Amino acid sequence: MNAITIPPAIRTRLRAAGIPAHAWVVAVHLLVDTDESGWRTCRALAGDTRMTTHQLRQSARVLDKAGLIERGRRYVNVDGRKTTMTSYRLKDGTR
């Protein structure tokens, strides 16, 4: 596993929020592995972190409550069925 350096400003925000370890995992993945505009889908995060989508949403709720991420929802067509897809990114466009 490769080591990453979390920028000091983001590390300070995460520590000040007092979030649990599972939310740190989500925040780090949002920091290093997103699309060009900083967004990452819930399913992709769940696959990368080996968390269930339920666990991931709980972590995202904690991060959102601390004001660290923003959530975007859009409608998508999955196997002919219209459903919503949730994506997350760190606030302030910081990656």
PDB file of N, CA and C in Angstrom:
ATOM      1  N   MET A   1       0.839  -1.169   0.000  1.00  0.00           N
ATOM      2  CA  MET A   1       0.000   0.000   0.000  1.00  0.00           C
ATOM      3  C   MET A   1       0.892   1.243   0.000  1.00  0.00           C
ATOM      4  N   ASN A   2       0.553   2.199  -0.831  1.00  0.00           N
ATOM      5  CA  ASN A   2       1.321   3.431  -0.923  1.00  0.00           C
ATOM      6  C   ASN A   2       0.879   4.414   0.144  1.00  0.00           C
ATOM      7  N   ALA A   3       1.817   5.202   0.615  1.00  0.00           N
ATOM      8  CA  ALA A   3       1.504   6.241   1.599  1.00  0.00           C
ATOM      9  C   ALA A   3       1.095   7.517   0.866  1.00  0.00           C
ATOM     10  N   ILE A   4       0.166   8.259   1.448  1.00  0.00           N
ATOM     11  CA  ILE A   4      -0.223   9.546   0.893  1.00  0.00           C
ATOM     12  C   ILE A   4      -0.015  10.610   1.954  1.00  0.00           C
ATOM     13  N   THR A   5       0.108  11.826   1.508  1.00  0.00           N
ATOM     14  CA  THR A   5       0.241  12.932   2.433  1.00  0.00           C
ATOM     15  C   THR A   5      -1.057  13.725   2.413  1.00  0.00           C
ATOM     16  N   ILE A   6      -1.708  13.807   3.548  1.00  0.00           N
ATOM     17  CA  ILE A   6      -2.931  14.592   3.651  1.00  0.00           C
ATOM     18  C   ILE A   6      -2.520  16.039   3.887  1.00  0.00           C
ATOM     19  N   PRO A   7      -2.988  16.960   3.052  1.00  0.00           N
ATOM     20  CA  PRO A   7      -2.625  18.370   3.249  1.00  0.00           C
ATOM     21  C   PRO A   7      -2.965  18.833   4.668  1.00  0.00           C
ATOM     22  N   PRO A   8      -2.109  19.658   5.268  1.00  0.00           N
ATOM     23  CA  PRO A   8      -2.307  20.090   6.657  1.00  0.00           C
ATOM     24  C   PRO A   8      -3.675  20.736   6.922  1.00  0.00           C
ATOM     25  N   ALA A   9      -4.184  21.513   5.982  1.00  0.00           N
ATOM     26  CA  ALA A   9      -5.480  22.169   6.179  1.00  0.00           C
ATOM     27  C   ALA A   9      -6.606  21.150   6.304  1.00  0.00           C
ATOM     28  N   ILE A  10      -6.556  20.113   5.474  1.00  0.00           N
ATOM     29  CA  ILE A  10      -7.601  19.072   5.523  1.00  0.00           C
ATOM     30  C   ILE A  10      -7.441  18.225   6.775  1.00  0.00           C
ATOM     31  N   ARG A  11      -6.200  17.879   7.111  1.00  0.00           N
ATOM     32  CA  ARG A  11      -5.949  17.092   8.322  1.00  0.00           C
ATOM     33  C   ARG A  11      -6.466  17.835   9.552  1.00  0.00           C
ATOM     34  N   THR A  12      -6.238  19.137   9.610  1.00  0.00           N
ATOM     35  CA  THR A  12      -6.716  19.952  10.735  1.00  0.00           C
ATOM     36  C   THR A  12      -8.233  19.943  10.805  1.00  0.00           C
ATOM     37  N   ARG A  13      -8.901  20.081   9.639  1.00  0.00           N
ATOM     38  CA  ARG A  13     -10.368  20.055   9.608  1.00  0.00           C
ATOM     39  C   ARG A  13     -10.916  18.711  10.069  1.00  0.00           C
ATOM     40  N   LEU A  14     -10.289  17.616   9.639  1.00  0.00           N
ATOM     41  CA  LEU A  14     -10.744  16.275  10.028  1.00  0.00           C
ATOM     42  C   LEU A  14     -10.555  16.046  11.524  1.00  0.00           C
ATOM     43  N   ARG A  15      -9.401  16.437  12.050  1.00  0.00           N
ATOM     44  CA  ARG A  15      -9.146  16.248  13.489  1.00  0.00           C
ATOM     45  C   ARG A  15     -10.080  17.103  14.330  1.00  0.00           C
ATOM     46  N   ALA A  16     -10.309  18.337  13.908  1.00  0.00           N
ATOM     47  CA  ALA A  16     -11.175  19.250  14.660  1.00  0.00           C
ATOM     48  C   ALA A  16     -12.615  18.745  14.697  1.00  0.00           C
ATOM     49  N   ALA A  17     -13.021  18.035  13.639  1.00  0.00           N
ATOM     50  CA  ALA A  17     -14.391  17.521  13.577  1.00  0.00           C
ATOM     51  C   ALA A  17     -14.599  16.337  14.514  1.00  0.00           C
ATOM     52  N   GLY A  18     -13.528  15.662  14.908  1.00  0.00           N
ATOM     53  CA  GLY A  18     -13.645  14.516  15.814  1.00  0.00           C
ATOM     54  C   GLY A  18     -14.431  13.361  15.212  1.00  0.00           C
ATOM     55  N   ILE A  19     -14.186  13.065  13.947  1.00  0.00           N
ATOM     56  CA  ILE A  19     -14.944  12.020  13.262  1.00  0.00           C
ATOM     57  C   ILE A  19     -14.350  10.646  13.546  1.00  0.00           C
ATOM     58  N   PRO A  20     -15.181   9.582  13.452  1.00  0.00           N
ATOM     59  CA  PRO A  20     -14.690   8.223  13.702  1.00  0.00           C
ATOM     60  C   PRO A  20     -13.813   7.719  12.545  1.00  0.00           C
ATOM     61  N   ALA A  21     -13.144   6.606  12.773  1.00  0.00           N
ATOM     62  CA  ALA A  21     -12.186   6.054  11.807  1.00  0.00           C
ATOM     63  C   ALA A  21     -12.816   5.728  10.459  1.00  0.00           C
ATOM     64  N   HIS A  22     -14.030   5.189  10.458  1.00  0.00           N
ATOM     65  CA  HIS A  22     -14.647   4.822   9.178  1.00  0.00           C
ATOM     66  C   HIS A  22     -14.892   6.041   8.303  1.00  0.00           C
ATOM     67  N   ALA A  23     -15.159   7.194   8.906  1.00  0.00           N
ATOM     68  CA  ALA A  23     -15.348   8.419   8.138  1.00  0.00           C
ATOM     69  C   ALA A  23     -14.008   8.939   7.602  1.00  0.00           C
ATOM     70  N   TRP A  24     -12.916   8.704   8.344  1.00  0.00           N
ATOM     71  CA  TRP A  24     -11.587   9.067   7.847  1.00  0.00           C
ATOM     72  C   TRP A  24     -11.285   8.318   6.557  1.00  0.00           C
ATOM     73  N   VAL A  25     -11.643   7.040   6.503  1.00  0.00           N
ATOM     74  CA  VAL A  25     -11.391   6.225   5.315  1.00  0.00           C
ATOM     75  C   VAL A  25     -12.082   6.844   4.104  1.00  0.00           C
ATOM     76  N   VAL A  26     -13.331   7.241   4.270  1.00  0.00           N
ATOM     77  CA  VAL A  26     -14.079   7.858   3.174  1.00  0.00           C
ATOM     78  C   VAL A  26     -13.448   9.188   2.779  1.00  0.00           C
ATOM     79  N   ALA A  27     -13.071   9.992   3.745  1.00  0.00           N
ATOM     80  CA  ALA A  27     -12.461  11.294   3.454  1.00  0.00           C
ATOM     81  C   ALA A  27     -11.148  11.134   2.685  1.00  0.00           C
ATOM     82  N   VAL A  28     -10.334  10.164   3.074  1.00  0.00           N
ATOM     83  CA  VAL A  28      -9.066   9.938   2.371  1.00  0.00           C
ATOM     84  C   VAL A  28      -9.317   9.487   0.944  1.00  0.00           C
ATOM     85  N   HIS A  29     -10.291   8.619   0.734  1.00  0.00           N
ATOM     86  CA  HIS A  29     -10.608   8.186  -0.627  1.00  0.00           C
ATOM     87  C   HIS A  29     -11.125   9.343  -1.468  1.00  0.00           C
ATOM     88  N   LEU A  30     -11.893  10.234  -0.868  1.00  0.00           N
ATOM     89  CA  LEU A  30     -12.358  11.414  -1.600  1.00  0.00           C
ATOM     90  C   LEU A  30     -11.193  12.356  -1.913  1.00  0.00           C
ATOM     91  N   LEU A  31     -10.181  12.300  -1.115  1.00  0.00           N
ATOM     92  CA  LEU A  31      -9.013  13.156  -1.312  1.00  0.00           C
ATOM     93  C   LEU A  31      -8.157  12.682  -2.485  1.00  0.00           C
ATOM     94  N   VAL A  32      -7.998  11.376  -2.645  1.00  0.00           N
ATOM     95  CA  VAL A  32      -7.039  10.861  -3.624  1.00  0.00           C
ATOM     96  C   VAL A  32      -7.648  10.243  -4.870  1.00  0.00           C
ATOM     97  N   ASP A  33      -8.913   9.873  -4.840  1.00  0.00           N
ATOM     98  CA  ASP A  33      -9.461   9.113  -5.969  1.00  0.00           C
ATOM     99  C   ASP A  33     -10.827   9.647  -6.373  1.00  0.00           C
ATOM    100  N   THR A  34     -10.852  10.713  -7.165  1.00  0.00           N
ATOM    101  CA  THR A  34     -12.106  11.298  -7.627  1.00  0.00           C
ATOM    102  C   THR A  34     -11.997  11.611  -9.113  1.00  0.00           C
ATOM    103  N   ASP A  35     -13.104  12.056  -9.705  1.00  0.00           N
ATOM    104  CA  ASP A  35     -13.041  12.494 -11.091  1.00  0.00           C
ATOM    105  C   ASP A  35     -12.442  13.896 -11.159  1.00  0.00           C
ATOM    106  N   GLU A  36     -12.403  14.483 -12.343  1.00  0.00           N
ATOM    107  CA  GLU A  36     -11.733  15.780 -12.513  1.00  0.00           C
ATOM    108  C   GLU A  36     -12.391  16.916 -11.729  1.00  0.00           C
ATOM    109  N   SER A  37     -13.667  16.796 -11.391  1.00  0.00           N
ATOM    110  CA  SER A  37     -14.328  17.849 -10.614  1.00  0.00           C
ATOM    111  C   SER A  37     -14.422  17.509  -9.121  1.00  0.00           C
ATOM    112  N   GLY A  38     -13.794  16.406  -8.711  1.00  0.00           N
ATOM    113  CA  GLY A  38     -13.732  16.069  -7.293  1.00  0.00           C
ATOM    114  C   GLY A  38     -14.832  15.160  -6.788  1.00  0.00           C
ATOM    115  N   TRP A  39     -15.724  14.680  -7.661  1.00  0.00           N
ATOM    116  CA  TRP A  39     -16.844  13.840  -7.239  1.00  0.00           C
ATOM    117  C   TRP A  39     -16.493  12.369  -7.304  1.00  0.00           C
ATOM    118  N   ARG A  40     -17.133  11.601  -6.424  1.00  0.00           N
ATOM    119  CA  ARG A  40     -16.979  10.136  -6.402  1.00  0.00           C
ATOM    120  C   ARG A  40     -18.334   9.524  -6.054  1.00  0.00           C
ATOM    121  N   THR A  41     -18.766   8.505  -6.800  1.00  0.00           N
ATOM    122  CA  THR A  41     -20.082   7.916  -6.542  1.00  0.00           C
ATOM    123  C   THR A  41     -20.039   7.012  -5.318  1.00  0.00           C
ATOM    124  N   CYS A  42     -21.201   6.838  -4.728  1.00  0.00           N
ATOM    125  CA  CYS A  42     -21.336   6.000  -3.537  1.00  0.00           C
ATOM    126  C   CYS A  42     -20.920   4.561  -3.836  1.00  0.00           C
ATOM    127  N   ARG A  43     -21.385   4.014  -4.946  1.00  0.00           N
ATOM    128  CA  ARG A  43     -21.051   2.620  -5.289  1.00  0.00           C
ATOM    129  C   ARG A  43     -19.561   2.431  -5.531  1.00  0.00           C
ATOM    130  N   ALA A  44     -18.924   3.400  -6.195  1.00  0.00           N
ATOM    131  CA  ALA A  44     -17.488   3.301  -6.457  1.00  0.00           C
ATOM    132  C   ALA A  44     -16.699   3.371  -5.148  1.00  0.00           C
ATOM    133  N   LEU A  45     -17.106   4.271  -4.262  1.00  0.00           N
ATOM    134  CA  LEU A  45     -16.449   4.360  -2.949  1.00  0.00           C
ATOM    135  C   LEU A  45     -16.636   3.072  -2.156  1.00  0.00           C
ATOM    136  N   ALA A  46     -17.831   2.531  -2.206  1.00  0.00           N
ATOM    137  CA  ALA A  46     -18.110   1.290  -1.474  1.00  0.00           C
ATOM    138  C   ALA A  46     -17.225   0.154  -1.982  1.00  0.00           C
ATOM    139  N   GLY A  47     -17.050   0.084  -3.290  1.00  0.00           N
ATOM    140  CA  GLY A  47     -16.200  -0.952  -3.863  1.00  0.00           C
ATOM    141  C   GLY A  47     -14.734  -0.780  -3.487  1.00  0.00           C
ATOM    142  N   ASP A  48     -14.262   0.449  -3.499  1.00  0.00           N
ATOM    143  CA  ASP A  48     -12.854   0.714  -3.188  1.00  0.00           C
ATOM    144  C   ASP A  48     -12.526   0.540  -1.716  1.00  0.00           C
ATOM    145  N   THR A  49     -13.462   0.897  -0.848  1.00  0.00           N
ATOM    146  CA  THR A  49     -13.205   0.832   0.590  1.00  0.00           C
ATOM    147  C   THR A  49     -13.619  -0.498   1.199  1.00  0.00           C
ATOM    148  N   ARG A  50     -14.288  -1.323   0.413  1.00  0.00           N
ATOM    149  CA  ARG A  50     -14.839  -2.608   0.888  1.00  0.00           C
ATOM    150  C   ARG A  50     -15.850  -2.416   2.008  1.00  0.00           C
ATOM    151  N   MET A  51     -16.520  -1.274   1.981  1.00  0.00           N
ATOM    152  CA  MET A  51     -17.614  -1.009   2.915  1.00  0.00           C
ATOM    153  C   MET A  51     -18.912  -1.261   2.159  1.00  0.00           C
ATOM    154  N   THR A  52     -19.973  -1.546   2.875  1.00  0.00           N
ATOM    155  CA  THR A  52     -21.272  -1.636   2.221  1.00  0.00           C
ATOM    156  C   THR A  52     -21.746  -0.210   1.931  1.00  0.00           C
ATOM    157  N   THR A  53     -22.714  -0.083   1.029  1.00  0.00           N
ATOM    158  CA  THR A  53     -23.224   1.257   0.732  1.00  0.00           C
ATOM    159  C   THR A  53     -23.889   1.857   1.970  1.00  0.00           C
ATOM    160  N   HIS A  54     -24.463   1.013   2.815  1.00  0.00           N
ATOM    161  CA  HIS A  54     -25.068   1.503   4.058  1.00  0.00           C
ATOM    162  C   HIS A  54     -23.998   2.109   4.974  1.00  0.00           C
ATOM    163  N   GLN A  55     -22.883   1.392   5.151  1.00  0.00           N
ATOM    164  CA  GLN A  55     -21.790   1.902   5.978  1.00  0.00           C
ATOM    165  C   GLN A  55     -21.218   3.190   5.398  1.00  0.00           C
ATOM    166  N   LEU A  56     -21.109   3.216   4.076  1.00  0.00           N
ATOM    167  CA  LEU A  56     -20.574   4.401   3.423  1.00  0.00           C
ATOM    168  C   LEU A  56     -21.497   5.600   3.619  1.00  0.00           C
ATOM    169  N   ARG A  57     -22.780   5.387   3.503  1.00  0.00           N
ATOM    170  CA  ARG A  57     -23.726   6.487   3.711  1.00  0.00           C
ATOM    171  C   ARG A  57     -23.693   6.986   5.155  1.00  0.00           C
ATOM    172  N   GLN A  58     -23.514   6.072   6.108  1.00  0.00           N
ATOM    173  CA  GLN A  58     -23.382   6.495   7.505  1.00  0.00           C
ATOM    174  C   GLN A  58     -22.139   7.367   7.682  1.00  0.00           C
ATOM    175  N   SER A  59     -21.032   6.963   7.078  1.00  0.00           N
ATOM    176  CA  SER A  59     -19.803   7.746   7.157  1.00  0.00           C
ATOM    177  C   SER A  59     -19.994   9.100   6.490  1.00  0.00           C
ATOM    178  N   ALA A  60     -20.666   9.107   5.346  1.00  0.00           N
ATOM    179  CA  ALA A  60     -20.916  10.362   4.637  1.00  0.00           C
ATOM    180  C   ALA A  60     -21.806  11.281   5.468  1.00  0.00           C
ATOM    181  N   ARG A  61     -22.752  10.704   6.177  1.00  0.00           N
ATOM    182  CA  ARG A  61     -23.620  11.501   7.053  1.00  0.00           C
ATOM    183  C   ARG A  61     -22.794  12.199   8.139  1.00  0.00           C
ATOM    184  N   VAL A  62     -21.846  11.470   8.719  1.00  0.00           N
ATOM    185  CA  VAL A  62     -20.975  12.035   9.749  1.00  0.00           C
ATOM    186  C   VAL A  62     -20.146  13.177   9.158  1.00  0.00           C
ATOM    187  N   LEU A  63     -19.574  12.948   7.973  1.00  0.00           N
ATOM    188  CA  LEU A  63     -18.755  13.973   7.330  1.00  0.00           C
ATOM    189  C   LEU A  63     -19.586  15.190   6.927  1.00  0.00           C
ATOM    190  N   ASP A  64     -20.816  14.944   6.483  1.00  0.00           N
ATOM    191  CA  ASP A  64     -21.703  16.043   6.097  1.00  0.00           C
ATOM    192  C   ASP A  64     -22.107  16.869   7.313  1.00  0.00           C
ATOM    193  N   LYS A  65     -22.400  16.184   8.417  1.00  0.00           N
ATOM    194  CA  LYS A  65     -22.776  16.870   9.651  1.00  0.00           C
ATOM    195  C   LYS A  65     -21.635  17.754  10.160  1.00  0.00           C
ATOM    196  N   ALA A  66     -20.390  17.315   9.926  1.00  0.00           N
ATOM    197  CA  ALA A  66     -19.219  18.094  10.322  1.00  0.00           C
ATOM    198  C   ALA A  66     -18.903  19.196   9.301  1.00  0.00           C
ATOM    199  N   GLY A  67     -19.652  19.228   8.204  1.00  0.00           N
ATOM    200  CA  GLY A  67     -19.456  20.257   7.189  1.00  0.00           C
ATOM    201  C   GLY A  67     -18.239  20.039   6.315  1.00  0.00           C
ATOM    202  N   LEU A  68     -17.821  18.771   6.144  1.00  0.00           N
ATOM    203  CA  LEU A  68     -16.597  18.478   5.400  1.00  0.00           C
ATOM    204  C   LEU A  68     -16.828  18.045   3.954  1.00  0.00           C
ATOM    205  N   ILE A  69     -18.018  17.537   3.652  1.00  0.00           N
ATOM    206  CA  ILE A  69     -18.292  17.092   2.288  1.00  0.00           C
ATOM    207  C   ILE A  69     -19.602  17.679   1.801  1.00  0.00           C
ATOM    208  N   GLU A  70     -19.804  17.574   0.502  1.00  0.00           N
ATOM    209  CA  GLU A  70     -21.102  17.909  -0.066  1.00  0.00           C
ATOM    210  C   GLU A  70     -21.604  16.704  -0.849  1.00  0.00           C
ATOM    211  N   ARG A  71     -22.909  16.617  -0.969  1.00  0.00           N
ATOM    212  CA  ARG A  71     -23.546  15.464  -1.593  1.00  0.00           C
ATOM    213  C   ARG A  71     -24.292  15.928  -2.837  1.00  0.00           C
ATOM    214  N   GLY A  72     -24.162  15.164  -3.895  1.00  0.00           N
ATOM    215  CA  GLY A  72     -24.891  15.454  -5.121  1.00  0.00           C
ATOM    216  C   GLY A  72     -25.702  14.237  -5.528  1.00  0.00           C
ATOM    217  N   ARG A  73     -26.924  14.474  -5.978  1.00  0.00           N
ATOM    218  CA  ARG A  73     -27.763  13.356  -6.420  1.00  0.00           C
ATOM    219  C   ARG A  73     -28.222  13.631  -7.842  1.00  0.00           C
ATOM    220  N   ARG A  74     -28.270  12.579  -8.639  1.00  0.00           N
ATOM    221  CA  ARG A  74     -28.783  12.706  -9.996  1.00  0.00           C
ATOM    222  C   ARG A  74     -29.534  11.444 -10.365  1.00  0.00           C
ATOM    223  N   TYR A  75     -30.433  11.598 -11.317  1.00  0.00           N
ATOM    224  CA  TYR A  75     -31.201  10.448 -11.780  1.00  0.00           C
ATOM    225  C   TYR A  75     -30.425   9.716 -12.864  1.00  0.00           C
ATOM    226  N   VAL A  76     -30.418   8.380 -12.773  1.00  0.00           N
ATOM    227  CA  VAL A  76     -29.758   7.543 -13.763  1.00  0.00           C
ATOM    228  C   VAL A  76     -30.675   6.386 -14.120  1.00  0.00           C
ATOM    229  N   ASN A  77     -30.416   5.784 -15.269  1.00  0.00           N
ATOM    230  CA  ASN A  77     -31.186   4.644 -15.731  1.00  0.00           C
ATOM    231  C   ASN A  77     -30.355   3.384 -15.515  1.00  0.00           C
ATOM    232  N   VAL A  78     -30.792   2.528 -14.603  1.00  0.00           N
ATOM    233  CA  VAL A  78     -30.097   1.284 -14.304  1.00  0.00           C
ATOM    234  C   VAL A  78     -31.004   0.128 -14.688  1.00  0.00           C
ATOM    235  N   ASP A  79     -30.598  -0.615 -15.713  1.00  0.00           N
ATOM    236  CA  ASP A  79     -31.375  -1.761 -16.211  1.00  0.00           C
ATOM    237  C   ASP A  79     -32.822  -1.377 -16.508  1.00  0.00           C
ATOM    238  N   GLY A  80     -33.006  -0.240 -17.141  1.00  0.00           N
ATOM    239  CA  GLY A  80     -34.343   0.199 -17.520  1.00  0.00           C
ATOM    240  C   GLY A  80     -35.156   0.782 -16.375  1.00  0.00           C
ATOM    241  N   ARG A  81     -34.552   0.935 -15.224  1.00  0.00           N
ATOM    242  CA  ARG A  81     -35.254   1.474 -14.069  1.00  0.00           C
ATOM    243  C   ARG A  81     -34.637   2.807 -13.668  1.00  0.00           C
ATOM    244  N   LYS A  82     -35.453   3.814 -13.472  1.00  0.00           N
ATOM    245  CA  LYS A  82     -34.950   5.126 -13.078  1.00  0.00           C
ATOM    246  C   LYS A  82     -34.676   5.123 -11.575  1.00  0.00           C
ATOM    247  N   THR A  83     -33.467   5.499 -11.220  1.00  0.00           N
ATOM    248  CA  THR A  83     -33.073   5.526  -9.818  1.00  0.00           C
ATOM    249  C   THR A  83     -32.146   6.720  -9.581  1.00  0.00           C
ATOM    250  N   THR A  84     -31.808   6.977  -8.339  1.00  0.00           N
ATOM    251  CA  THR A  84     -30.890   8.080  -8.049  1.00  0.00           C
ATOM    252  C   THR A  84     -29.498   7.538  -7.757  1.00  0.00           C
ATOM    253  N   MET A  85     -28.505   8.315  -8.141  1.00  0.00           N
ATOM    254  CA  MET A  85     -27.110   7.984  -7.856  1.00  0.00           C
ATOM    255  C   MET A  85     -26.578   9.113  -6.984  1.00  0.00           C
ATOM    256  N   THR A  86     -25.970   8.759  -5.863  1.00  0.00           N
ATOM    257  CA  THR A  86     -25.416   9.747  -4.943  1.00  0.00           C
ATOM    258  C   THR A  86     -23.913   9.812  -5.119  1.00  0.00           C
ATOM    259  N   SER A  87     -23.399  11.040  -5.182  1.00  0.00           N
ATOM    260  CA  SER A  87     -21.964  11.264  -5.279  1.00  0.00           C
ATOM    261  C   SER A  87     -21.546  12.208  -4.158  1.00  0.00           C
ATOM    262  N   TYR A  88     -20.282  12.101  -3.786  1.00  0.00           N
ATOM    263  CA  TYR A  88     -19.750  12.931  -2.710  1.00  0.00           C
ATOM    264  C   TYR A  88     -18.447  13.587  -3.151  1.00  0.00           C
ATOM    265  N   ARG A  89     -18.133  14.751  -2.552  1.00  0.00           N
ATOM    266  CA  ARG A  89     -16.830  15.384  -2.720  1.00  0.00           C
ATOM    267  C   ARG A  89     -16.528  16.227  -1.498  1.00  0.00           C
ATOM    268  N   LEU A  90     -15.239  16.466  -1.281  1.00  0.00           N
ATOM    269  CA  LEU A  90     -14.828  17.314  -0.171  1.00  0.00           C
ATOM    270  C   LEU A  90     -15.275  18.740  -0.455  1.00  0.00           C
ATOM    271  N   LYS A  91     -15.700  19.447   0.566  1.00  0.00           N
ATOM    272  CA  LYS A  91     -16.147  20.836   0.395  1.00  0.00           C
ATOM    273  C   LYS A  91     -14.972  21.735   0.035  1.00  0.00           C
ATOM    274  N   ASP A  92     -15.306  22.880  -0.520  1.00  0.00           N
ATOM    275  CA  ASP A  92     -14.337  23.894  -0.928  1.00  0.00           C
ATOM    276  C   ASP A  92     -13.492  23.446  -2.109  1.00  0.00           C
ATOM    277  N   GLY A  93     -13.919  22.371  -2.775  1.00  0.00           N
ATOM    278  CA  GLY A  93     -13.183  21.890  -3.934  1.00  0.00           C
ATOM    279  C   GLY A  93     -11.776  21.430  -3.624  1.00  0.00           C
ATOM    280  N   THR A  94     -11.493  21.146  -2.372  1.00  0.00           N
ATOM    281  CA  THR A  94     -10.161  20.750  -1.959  1.00  0.00           C
ATOM    282  C   THR A  94      -9.983  19.255  -2.190  1.00  0.00           C
ATOM    283  N   ARG A  95      -8.916  18.920  -2.912  1.00  0.00           N
ATOM    284  CA  ARG A  95      -8.620  17.511  -3.147  1.00  0.00           C
ATOM    285  C   ARG A  95      -7.267  17.174  -2.618  1.00  0.00           C
TER     286      ARG A  95
END
